[in-house]
Amino acid sequence: AKELAHYHIRTNRIYTSDLSRTVKTAEIIA
């Protein structure tokens, strides 16, 4: 998430696999 912050991302969506390890990662980033 900190690395992504440098790129000023233009979206309000994160697409993720529906498995818990990816969903949790996406939630932390969001």
PDB file of all heavy atoms in Angstrom:
ATOM      1  N   ALA A   1       0.833  -1.205   0.000  1.00  0.00           N
ATOM      2  CA  ALA A   1       0.000   0.000   0.000  1.00  0.00           C
ATOM      3  C   ALA A   1       0.867   1.255   0.000  1.00  0.00           C
ATOM      4  O   ALA A   1       0.585   2.223  -0.719  1.00  0.00           O
ATOM      5  CB  ALA A   1      -0.925  -0.004   1.212  1.00  0.00           C
ATOM      6  N   LYS A   2       1.936   1.263   0.801  1.00  0.00           N
ATOM      7  CA  LYS A   2       2.838   2.416   0.833  1.00  0.00           C
ATOM      8  C   LYS A   2       3.503   2.634  -0.523  1.00  0.00           C
ATOM      9  O   LYS A   2       3.683   3.777  -0.967  1.00  0.00           O
ATOM     10  CB  LYS A   2       3.895   2.212   1.915  1.00  0.00           C
ATOM     11  CG  LYS A   2       3.347   2.282   3.336  1.00  0.00           C
ATOM     12  CD  LYS A   2       4.454   2.047   4.356  1.00  0.00           C
ATOM     13  CE  LYS A   2       3.915   2.095   5.776  1.00  0.00           C
ATOM     14  NZ  LYS A   2       4.979   1.862   6.785  1.00  0.00           N
ATOM     15  N   GLU A   3       3.879   1.536  -1.181  1.00  0.00           N
ATOM     16  CA  GLU A   3       4.488   1.670  -2.515  1.00  0.00           C
ATOM     17  C   GLU A   3       3.486   2.226  -3.519  1.00  0.00           C
ATOM     18  O   GLU A   3       3.811   3.112  -4.319  1.00  0.00           O
ATOM     19  CB  GLU A   3       5.008   0.311  -2.983  1.00  0.00           C
ATOM     20  CG  GLU A   3       5.700   0.370  -4.334  1.00  0.00           C
ATOM     21  CD  GLU A   3       6.295  -0.960  -4.763  1.00  0.00           C
ATOM     22  OE1 GLU A   3       6.345  -1.895  -3.931  1.00  0.00           O
ATOM     23  OE2 GLU A   3       6.690  -1.065  -5.943  1.00  0.00           O
ATOM     24  N   LEU A   4       2.252   1.754  -3.459  1.00  0.00           N
ATOM     25  CA  LEU A   4       1.218   2.242  -4.368  1.00  0.00           C
ATOM     26  C   LEU A   4       0.942   3.730  -4.157  1.00  0.00           C
ATOM     27  O   LEU A   4       0.582   4.445  -5.106  1.00  0.00           O
ATOM     28  CB  LEU A   4      -0.079   1.454  -4.169  1.00  0.00           C
ATOM     29  CG  LEU A   4      -0.088  -0.001  -4.657  1.00  0.00           C
ATOM     30  CD1 LEU A   4      -1.345  -0.708  -4.186  1.00  0.00           C
ATOM     31  CD2 LEU A   4       0.017  -0.069  -6.173  1.00  0.00           C
ATOM     32  N   ALA A   5       1.112   4.200  -2.918  1.00  0.00           N
ATOM     33  CA  ALA A   5       0.804   5.597  -2.601  1.00  0.00           C
ATOM     34  C   ALA A   5       1.631   6.573  -3.427  1.00  0.00           C
ATOM     35  O   ALA A   5       1.202   7.701  -3.690  1.00  0.00           O
ATOM     36  CB  ALA A   5       1.034   5.848  -1.113  1.00  0.00           C
ATOM     37  N   HIS A   6       2.797   6.148  -3.862  1.00  0.00           N
ATOM     38  CA  HIS A   6       3.665   7.027  -4.648  1.00  0.00           C
ATOM     39  C   HIS A   6       3.117   7.300  -6.055  1.00  0.00           C
ATOM     40  O   HIS A   6       3.573   8.218  -6.727  1.00  0.00           O
ATOM     41  CB  HIS A   6       5.060   6.416  -4.767  1.00  0.00           C
ATOM     42  CG  HIS A   6       5.813   6.371  -3.465  1.00  0.00           C
ATOM     43  ND1 HIS A   6       6.328   7.489  -2.856  1.00  0.00           N
ATOM     44  CD2 HIS A   6       6.108   5.320  -2.645  1.00  0.00           C
ATOM     45  CE1 HIS A   6       6.933   7.140  -1.727  1.00  0.00           C
ATOM     46  NE2 HIS A   6       6.807   5.832  -1.573  1.00  0.00           N
ATOM     47  N   TYR A   7       2.153   6.464  -6.505  1.00  0.00           N
ATOM     48  CA  TYR A   7       1.712   6.545  -7.892  1.00  0.00           C
ATOM     49  C   TYR A   7       0.394   7.288  -8.075  1.00  0.00           C
ATOM     50  O   TYR A   7      -0.108   7.392  -9.202  1.00  0.00           O
ATOM     51  CB  TYR A   7       1.601   5.126  -8.476  1.00  0.00           C
ATOM     52  CG  TYR A   7       2.942   4.450  -8.571  1.00  0.00           C
ATOM     53  CD1 TYR A   7       3.376   3.581  -7.568  1.00  0.00           C
ATOM     54  CD2 TYR A   7       3.796   4.693  -9.639  1.00  0.00           C
ATOM     55  CE1 TYR A   7       4.611   2.960  -7.635  1.00  0.00           C
ATOM     56  CE2 TYR A   7       5.029   4.077  -9.724  1.00  0.00           C
ATOM     57  CZ  TYR A   7       5.428   3.221  -8.718  1.00  0.00           C
ATOM     58  OH  TYR A   7       6.664   2.628  -8.793  1.00  0.00           O
ATOM     59  N   HIS A   8      -0.187   7.818  -6.966  1.00  0.00           N
ATOM     60  CA  HIS A   8      -1.422   8.603  -7.063  1.00  0.00           C
ATOM     61  C   HIS A   8      -2.450   7.886  -7.945  1.00  0.00           C
ATOM     62  O   HIS A   8      -2.871   8.395  -8.990  1.00  0.00           O
ATOM     63  CB  HIS A   8      -1.124   9.998  -7.615  1.00  0.00           C
ATOM     64  CG  HIS A   8      -0.063  10.717  -6.843  1.00  0.00           C
ATOM     65  ND1 HIS A   8      -0.258  11.217  -5.577  1.00  0.00           N
ATOM     66  CD2 HIS A   8       1.238  10.996  -7.166  1.00  0.00           C
ATOM     67  CE1 HIS A   8       0.858  11.789  -5.152  1.00  0.00           C
ATOM     68  NE2 HIS A   8       1.784  11.667  -6.083  1.00  0.00           N
ATOM     69  N   ILE A   9      -2.850   6.742  -7.496  1.00  0.00           N
ATOM     70  CA  ILE A   9      -3.705   5.853  -8.292  1.00  0.00           C
ATOM     71  C   ILE A   9      -5.078   6.473  -8.534  1.00  0.00           C
ATOM     72  O   ILE A   9      -5.708   7.016  -7.624  1.00  0.00           O
ATOM     73  CB  ILE A   9      -3.838   4.487  -7.590  1.00  0.00           C
ATOM     74  CG1 ILE A   9      -2.479   3.789  -7.624  1.00  0.00           C
ATOM     75  CG2 ILE A   9      -4.890   3.614  -8.253  1.00  0.00           C
ATOM     76  CD1 ILE A   9      -2.429   2.511  -6.837  1.00  0.00           C
ATOM     77  N   ARG A  10      -5.539   6.346  -9.773  1.00  0.00           N
ATOM     78  CA  ARG A  10      -6.819   6.922 -10.192  1.00  0.00           C
ATOM     79  C   ARG A  10      -7.877   5.818 -10.279  1.00  0.00           C
ATOM     80  O   ARG A  10      -8.144   5.284 -11.348  1.00  0.00           O
ATOM     81  CB  ARG A  10      -6.676   7.607 -11.558  1.00  0.00           C
ATOM     82  CG  ARG A  10      -5.511   8.570 -11.675  1.00  0.00           C
ATOM     83  CD  ARG A  10      -5.491   9.240 -13.062  1.00  0.00           C
ATOM     84  NE  ARG A  10      -5.529   8.272 -14.139  1.00  0.00           N
ATOM     85  CZ  ARG A  10      -4.439   7.746 -14.702  1.00  0.00           C
ATOM     86  NH1 ARG A  10      -3.234   8.081 -14.268  1.00  0.00           N
ATOM     87  NH2 ARG A  10      -4.545   6.902 -15.700  1.00  0.00           N
ATOM     88  N   THR A  11      -8.447   5.456  -9.163  1.00  0.00           N
ATOM     89  CA  THR A  11      -9.547   4.488  -9.146  1.00  0.00           C
ATOM     90  C   THR A  11     -10.153   4.454  -7.759  1.00  0.00           C
ATOM     91  O   THR A  11      -9.513   4.843  -6.777  1.00  0.00           O
ATOM     92  CB  THR A  11      -9.075   3.067  -9.531  1.00  0.00           C
ATOM     93  OG1 THR A  11     -10.208   2.209  -9.657  1.00  0.00           O
ATOM     94  CG2 THR A  11      -8.139   2.489  -8.483  1.00  0.00           C
ATOM     95  N   ASN A  12     -11.391   4.000  -7.684  1.00  0.00           N
ATOM     96  CA  ASN A  12     -11.994   3.729  -6.374  1.00  0.00           C
ATOM     97  C   ASN A  12     -12.399   2.270  -6.270  1.00  0.00           C
ATOM     98  O   ASN A  12     -13.292   1.906  -5.513  1.00  0.00           O
ATOM     99  CB  ASN A  12     -13.212   4.634  -6.137  1.00  0.00           C
ATOM    100  CG  ASN A  12     -14.326   4.354  -7.132  1.00  0.00           C
ATOM    101  OD1 ASN A  12     -14.115   3.661  -8.138  1.00  0.00           O
ATOM    102  ND2 ASN A  12     -15.511   4.876  -6.876  1.00  0.00           N
ATOM    103  N   ARG A  13     -11.702   1.413  -7.051  1.00  0.00           N
ATOM    104  CA  ARG A  13     -11.989  -0.024  -7.041  1.00  0.00           C
ATOM    105  C   ARG A  13     -10.681  -0.809  -6.952  1.00  0.00           C
ATOM    106  O   ARG A  13      -9.679  -0.422  -7.560  1.00  0.00           O
ATOM    107  CB  ARG A  13     -12.696  -0.451  -8.329  1.00  0.00           C
ATOM    108  CG  ARG A  13     -14.176  -0.166  -8.361  1.00  0.00           C
ATOM    109  CD  ARG A  13     -14.776  -0.765  -9.617  1.00  0.00           C
ATOM    110  NE  ARG A  13     -16.205  -0.963  -9.445  1.00  0.00           N
ATOM    111  CZ  ARG A  13     -16.932  -1.792 -10.175  1.00  0.00           C
ATOM    112  NH1 ARG A  13     -16.365  -2.498 -11.124  1.00  0.00           N
ATOM    113  NH2 ARG A  13     -18.217  -1.915  -9.956  1.00  0.00           N
ATOM    114  N   ILE A  14     -10.731  -1.913  -6.241  1.00  0.00           N
ATOM    115  CA  ILE A  14      -9.649  -2.884  -6.266  1.00  0.00           C
ATOM    116  C   ILE A  14     -10.268  -4.232  -6.616  1.00  0.00           C
ATOM    117  O   ILE A  14     -11.194  -4.701  -5.943  1.00  0.00           O
ATOM    118  CB  ILE A  14      -8.917  -2.974  -4.912  1.00  0.00           C
ATOM    119  CG1 ILE A  14      -8.220  -1.663  -4.581  1.00  0.00           C
ATOM    120  CG2 ILE A  14      -7.890  -4.111  -4.940  1.00  0.00           C
ATOM    121  CD1 ILE A  14      -7.516  -1.664  -3.241  1.00  0.00           C
ATOM    122  N   TYR A  15      -9.779  -4.836  -7.691  1.00  0.00           N
ATOM    123  CA  TYR A  15     -10.244  -6.163  -8.080  1.00  0.00           C
ATOM    124  C   TYR A  15      -9.352  -7.212  -7.418  1.00  0.00           C
ATOM    125  O   TYR A  15      -8.127  -7.071  -7.384  1.00  0.00           O
ATOM    126  CB  TYR A  15     -10.192  -6.335  -9.600  1.00  0.00           C
ATOM    127  CG  TYR A  15     -11.177  -5.455 -10.338  1.00  0.00           C
ATOM    128  CD1 TYR A  15     -10.808  -4.191 -10.788  1.00  0.00           C
ATOM    129  CD2 TYR A  15     -12.476  -5.887 -10.571  1.00  0.00           C
ATOM    130  CE1 TYR A  15     -11.720  -3.375 -11.455  1.00  0.00           C
ATOM    131  CE2 TYR A  15     -13.391  -5.085 -11.246  1.00  0.00           C
ATOM    132  CZ  TYR A  15     -13.004  -3.831 -11.683  1.00  0.00           C
ATOM    133  OH  TYR A  15     -13.904  -3.032 -12.336  1.00  0.00           O
ATOM    134  N   THR A  16      -9.982  -8.247  -6.886  1.00  0.00           N
ATOM    135  CA  THR A  16      -9.214  -9.255  -6.167  1.00  0.00           C
ATOM    136  C   THR A  16      -9.807 -10.639  -6.368  1.00  0.00           C
ATOM    137  O   THR A  16     -11.018 -10.786  -6.598  1.00  0.00           O
ATOM    138  CB  THR A  16      -9.174  -8.931  -4.649  1.00  0.00           C
ATOM    139  OG1 THR A  16      -8.475  -9.971  -3.967  1.00  0.00           O
ATOM    140  CG2 THR A  16     -10.567  -8.803  -4.064  1.00  0.00           C
ATOM    141  N   SER A  17      -8.962 -11.634  -6.300  1.00  0.00           N
ATOM    142  CA  SER A  17      -9.432 -13.002  -6.156  1.00  0.00           C
ATOM    143  C   SER A  17     -10.328 -13.072  -4.920  1.00  0.00           C
ATOM    144  O   SER A  17     -10.176 -12.283  -3.991  1.00  0.00           O
ATOM    145  CB  SER A  17      -8.222 -13.936  -6.001  1.00  0.00           C
ATOM    146  OG  SER A  17      -8.555 -15.115  -5.318  1.00  0.00           O
ATOM    147  N   ASP A  18     -11.255 -14.020  -4.899  1.00  0.00           N
ATOM    148  CA  ASP A  18     -12.177 -14.111  -3.767  1.00  0.00           C
ATOM    149  C   ASP A  18     -11.649 -14.987  -2.638  1.00  0.00           C
ATOM    150  O   ASP A  18     -12.385 -15.278  -1.690  1.00  0.00           O
ATOM    151  CB  ASP A  18     -13.548 -14.614  -4.225  1.00  0.00           C
ATOM    152  CG  ASP A  18     -13.487 -15.985  -4.886  1.00  0.00           C
ATOM    153  OD1 ASP A  18     -12.368 -16.447  -5.198  1.00  0.00           O
ATOM    154  OD2 ASP A  18     -14.549 -16.598  -5.093  1.00  0.00           O
ATOM    155  N   LEU A  19     -10.390 -15.407  -2.691  1.00  0.00           N
ATOM    156  CA  LEU A  19      -9.804 -16.167  -1.595  1.00  0.00           C
ATOM    157  C   LEU A  19      -9.361 -15.219  -0.485  1.00  0.00           C
ATOM    158  O   LEU A  19      -8.973 -14.080  -0.743  1.00  0.00           O
ATOM    159  CB  LEU A  19      -8.628 -17.006  -2.094  1.00  0.00           C
ATOM    160  CG  LEU A  19      -9.001 -18.076  -3.146  1.00  0.00           C
ATOM    161  CD1 LEU A  19      -7.756 -18.813  -3.619  1.00  0.00           C
ATOM    162  CD2 LEU A  19     -10.024 -19.062  -2.595  1.00  0.00           C
ATOM    163  N   SER A  20      -9.390 -15.695   0.757  1.00  0.00           N
ATOM    164  CA  SER A  20      -9.217 -14.805   1.905  1.00  0.00           C
ATOM    165  C   SER A  20      -7.855 -14.119   1.925  1.00  0.00           C
ATOM    166  O   SER A  20      -7.747 -12.968   2.360  1.00  0.00           O
ATOM    167  CB  SER A  20      -9.434 -15.580   3.211  1.00  0.00           C
ATOM    168  OG  SER A  20      -8.480 -16.617   3.349  1.00  0.00           O
ATOM    169  N   ARG A  21      -6.810 -14.778   1.440  1.00  0.00           N
ATOM    170  CA  ARG A  21      -5.481 -14.165   1.492  1.00  0.00           C
ATOM    171  C   ARG A  21      -5.372 -12.956   0.573  1.00  0.00           C
ATOM    172  O   ARG A  21      -4.622 -12.016   0.860  1.00  0.00           O
ATOM    173  CB  ARG A  21      -4.396 -15.191   1.179  1.00  0.00           C
ATOM    174  CG  ARG A  21      -4.508 -15.920  -0.163  1.00  0.00           C
ATOM    175  CD  ARG A  21      -3.493 -17.060  -0.210  1.00  0.00           C
ATOM    176  NE  ARG A  21      -3.442 -17.804  -1.434  1.00  0.00           N
ATOM    177  CZ  ARG A  21      -4.167 -18.891  -1.704  1.00  0.00           C
ATOM    178  NH1 ARG A  21      -5.047 -19.316  -0.813  1.00  0.00           N
ATOM    179  NH2 ARG A  21      -4.023 -19.539  -2.850  1.00  0.00           N
ATOM    180  N   THR A  22      -6.111 -12.978  -0.536  1.00  0.00           N
ATOM    181  CA  THR A  22      -6.089 -11.821  -1.435  1.00  0.00           C
ATOM    182  C   THR A  22      -7.084 -10.758  -0.985  1.00  0.00           C
ATOM    183  O   THR A  22      -6.799  -9.562  -1.085  1.00  0.00           O
ATOM    184  CB  THR A  22      -6.404 -12.260  -2.882  1.00  0.00           C
ATOM    185  OG1 THR A  22      -7.596 -13.065  -2.886  1.00  0.00           O
ATOM    186  CG2 THR A  22      -5.254 -13.048  -3.476  1.00  0.00           C
ATOM    187  N   VAL A  23      -8.236 -11.186  -0.497  1.00  0.00           N
ATOM    188  CA  VAL A  23      -9.239 -10.219  -0.033  1.00  0.00           C
ATOM    189  C   VAL A  23      -8.672  -9.391   1.120  1.00  0.00           C
ATOM    190  O   VAL A  23      -8.810  -8.161   1.145  1.00  0.00           O
ATOM    191  CB  VAL A  23     -10.538 -10.935   0.396  1.00  0.00           C
ATOM    192  CG1 VAL A  23     -11.487  -9.954   1.063  1.00  0.00           C
ATOM    193  CG2 VAL A  23     -11.213 -11.584  -0.809  1.00  0.00           C
ATOM    194  N   LYS A  24      -8.007 -10.051   2.064  1.00  0.00           N
ATOM    195  CA  LYS A  24      -7.438  -9.323   3.195  1.00  0.00           C
ATOM    196  C   LYS A  24      -6.343  -8.366   2.731  1.00  0.00           C
ATOM    197  O   LYS A  24      -6.264  -7.212   3.212  1.00  0.00           O
ATOM    198  CB  LYS A  24      -6.878 -10.308   4.225  1.00  0.00           C
ATOM    199  CG  LYS A  24      -6.363  -9.635   5.509  1.00  0.00           C
ATOM    200  CD  LYS A  24      -7.493  -8.894   6.240  1.00  0.00           C
ATOM    201  CE  LYS A  24      -7.007  -8.285   7.538  1.00  0.00           C
ATOM    202  NZ  LYS A  24      -8.089  -7.520   8.218  1.00  0.00           N
ATOM    203  N   THR A  25      -5.523  -8.807   1.812  1.00  0.00           N
ATOM    204  CA  THR A  25      -4.488  -7.924   1.256  1.00  0.00           C
ATOM    205  C   THR A  25      -5.127  -6.699   0.611  1.00  0.00           C
ATOM    206  O   THR A  25      -4.687  -5.562   0.817  1.00  0.00           O
ATOM    207  CB  THR A  25      -3.633  -8.684   0.225  1.00  0.00           C
ATOM    208  OG1 THR A  25      -3.021  -9.823   0.850  1.00  0.00           O
ATOM    209  CG2 THR A  25      -2.552  -7.791  -0.356  1.00  0.00           C
ATOM    210  N   ALA A  26      -6.185  -6.923  -0.154  1.00  0.00           N
ATOM    211  CA  ALA A  26      -6.877  -5.811  -0.821  1.00  0.00           C
ATOM    212  C   ALA A  26      -7.499  -4.866   0.198  1.00  0.00           C
ATOM    213  O   ALA A  26      -7.481  -3.635   0.017  1.00  0.00           O
ATOM    214  CB  ALA A  26      -7.939  -6.357  -1.770  1.00  0.00           C
ATOM    215  N   GLU A  27      -8.072  -5.427   1.266  1.00  0.00           N
ATOM    216  CA  GLU A  27      -8.697  -4.585   2.289  1.00  0.00           C
ATOM    217  C   GLU A  27      -7.665  -3.696   2.986  1.00  0.00           C
ATOM    218  O   GLU A  27      -7.927  -2.516   3.271  1.00  0.00           O
ATOM    219  CB  GLU A  27      -9.422  -5.464   3.302  1.00  0.00           C
ATOM    220  CG  GLU A  27     -10.692  -6.105   2.751  1.00  0.00           C
ATOM    221  CD  GLU A  27     -11.319  -7.089   3.715  1.00  0.00           C
ATOM    222  OE1 GLU A  27     -10.651  -7.473   4.712  1.00  0.00           O
ATOM    223  OE2 GLU A  27     -12.472  -7.499   3.476  1.00  0.00           O
ATOM    224  N   ILE A  28      -6.493  -4.247   3.270  1.00  0.00           N
ATOM    225  CA  ILE A  28      -5.435  -3.455   3.909  1.00  0.00           C
ATOM    226  C   ILE A  28      -4.988  -2.324   2.990  1.00  0.00           C
ATOM    227  O   ILE A  28      -4.815  -1.183   3.417  1.00  0.00           O
ATOM    228  CB  ILE A  28      -4.247  -4.363   4.290  1.00  0.00           C
ATOM    229  CG1 ILE A  28      -4.659  -5.309   5.419  1.00  0.00           C
ATOM    230  CG2 ILE A  28      -3.031  -3.535   4.700  1.00  0.00           C
ATOM    231  CD1 ILE A  28      -3.634  -6.379   5.740  1.00  0.00           C
ATOM    232  N   ILE A  29      -4.837  -2.649   1.699  1.00  0.00           N
ATOM    233  CA  ILE A  29      -4.436  -1.620   0.723  1.00  0.00           C
ATOM    234  C   ILE A  29      -5.514  -0.549   0.621  1.00  0.00           C
ATOM    235  O   ILE A  29      -5.219   0.657   0.607  1.00  0.00           O
ATOM    236  CB  ILE A  29      -4.152  -2.269  -0.643  1.00  0.00           C
ATOM    237  CG1 ILE A  29      -2.900  -3.149  -0.566  1.00  0.00           C
ATOM    238  CG2 ILE A  29      -3.995  -1.209  -1.736  1.00  0.00           C
ATOM    239  CD1 ILE A  29      -2.648  -3.985  -1.804  1.00  0.00           C
ATOM    240  N   ALA A  30      -6.767  -0.976   0.547  1.00  0.00           N
ATOM    241  CA  ALA A  30      -7.873  -0.015   0.435  1.00  0.00           C
ATOM    242  C   ALA A  30      -7.925   0.895   1.651  1.00  0.00           C
ATOM    243  O   ALA A  30      -8.133   2.113   1.528  1.00  0.00           O
ATOM    244  CB  ALA A  30      -9.193  -0.760   0.268  1.00  0.00           C
TER     245      ALA A  30
END
